[in-house]
Protein backbone atom coordinates (compact mmCIF):
# COMPACT_ATOMS: atom_id res chain seq x y z
CA MET A 1 -2.63 -16.78 8.20
CA ILE A 2 -1.80 -15.22 4.85
CA ARG A 3 0.83 -16.36 2.36
CA GLY A 4 1.84 -15.24 -1.09
CA GLU A 5 2.88 -11.97 -2.64
CA LEU A 6 1.21 -8.59 -2.30
CA GLY A 7 1.63 -6.74 -5.57
CA HIS A 8 2.26 -2.99 -5.72
CA ASP A 9 2.70 -0.50 -8.53
CA ALA A 10 3.28 2.78 -6.67
CA LYS A 11 3.94 6.02 -8.53
CA VAL A 12 4.50 9.59 -7.34
CA THR A 13 1.77 11.54 -9.13
CA SER A 14 2.63 14.98 -7.77
CA LEU A 15 5.48 16.54 -5.85
CA ASP A 16 5.83 20.01 -4.35
CA ALA A 17 9.44 20.05 -3.21
CA VAL A 18 9.68 23.84 -2.76
CA ALA A 19 6.78 24.26 -0.31
CA LYS A 20 7.47 25.05 3.34
CA LEU A 21 6.41 21.46 4.06
CA PRO A 22 7.27 19.52 0.85
CA THR A 23 4.37 17.27 -0.17
CA ALA A 24 4.18 14.18 -2.40
CA THR A 25 1.05 12.38 -3.60
CA ILE A 26 1.48 8.66 -4.27
CA GLU A 27 -0.96 6.41 -6.12
CA ASP A 28 -0.69 2.64 -5.95
CA CYS A 29 -2.43 -0.38 -7.43
CA VAL A 30 -2.61 -3.02 -4.70
CA ASP A 31 -2.90 -6.53 -6.16
CA LEU A 32 -4.16 -9.33 -3.88
CA SER A 33 -4.46 -11.95 -6.64
CA LYS A 34 -1.40 -13.90 -5.40
CA TRP A 35 -2.41 -13.83 -1.72
CA GLU A 36 -4.01 -16.81 -0.01
CA THR A 37 -5.76 -16.86 3.34
CA ILE A 38 -5.02 -20.11 5.17
CA ASP A 39 -7.08 -21.74 7.95
CA THR A 40 -4.42 -22.36 10.62
CA ARG A 41 -6.31 -25.36 12.05
CA THR A 42 -6.69 -27.25 8.77
CA ASN A 43 -3.94 -25.63 6.66
CA LYS A 44 -6.47 -25.26 3.83
CA VAL A 45 -6.88 -22.22 1.59
CA LEU A 46 -9.99 -20.17 2.41
CA SER A 47 -11.95 -18.57 -0.42
CA LEU A 48 -12.15 -14.79 -0.48
CA PRO A 49 -15.61 -13.24 -0.84
CA THR A 50 -16.62 -13.15 -4.51
CA ASN A 51 -17.47 -9.46 -4.29
CA GLN A 52 -14.01 -8.52 -2.95
CA PRO A 53 -11.86 -6.96 -5.67
CA ARG A 54 -8.44 -8.55 -6.14
CA ARG A 55 -6.95 -5.26 -7.32
CA ARG A 56 -7.70 -1.81 -5.99
CA ALA A 57 -6.38 1.70 -6.15
CA ALA A 58 -4.84 3.23 -3.05
CA GLY A 59 -3.52 6.71 -2.52
CA SER A 60 -1.48 8.59 0.02
CA ARG A 61 -0.39 12.17 0.53
CA ARG A 62 2.85 12.67 2.47
CA ARG A 63 4.40 15.78 3.96
CA ARG A 64 7.99 16.04 4.95
CA ARG A 65 8.45 16.68 8.66
CA ARG A 66 11.37 18.26 10.38
CA SER A 67 12.51 17.13 13.78
CA GLY A 68 15.67 18.67 15.22
CA ARG A 69 18.55 18.10 12.82
CA THR A 70 16.92 15.22 10.93
CA ALA A 71 14.13 15.22 8.39
CA GLY A 72 11.94 12.41 7.10
CA TRP A 73 8.70 11.63 5.31
């Protein structure tokens, strides 16, 4: 089980709104420093591997899709 907060700091780093399929690129800093993994049998906090970063960069590229009369990302 996991408890705590997952931190995010997402920003749109590029946007092409006039393309046939509008595209946005999003960069995020995912912060796991306030997350705890809990052993469900003992209810004790488990240590994360020491080589696992607590913060990491994540990215995503999204294209707008069109479906009938509605549109979404």
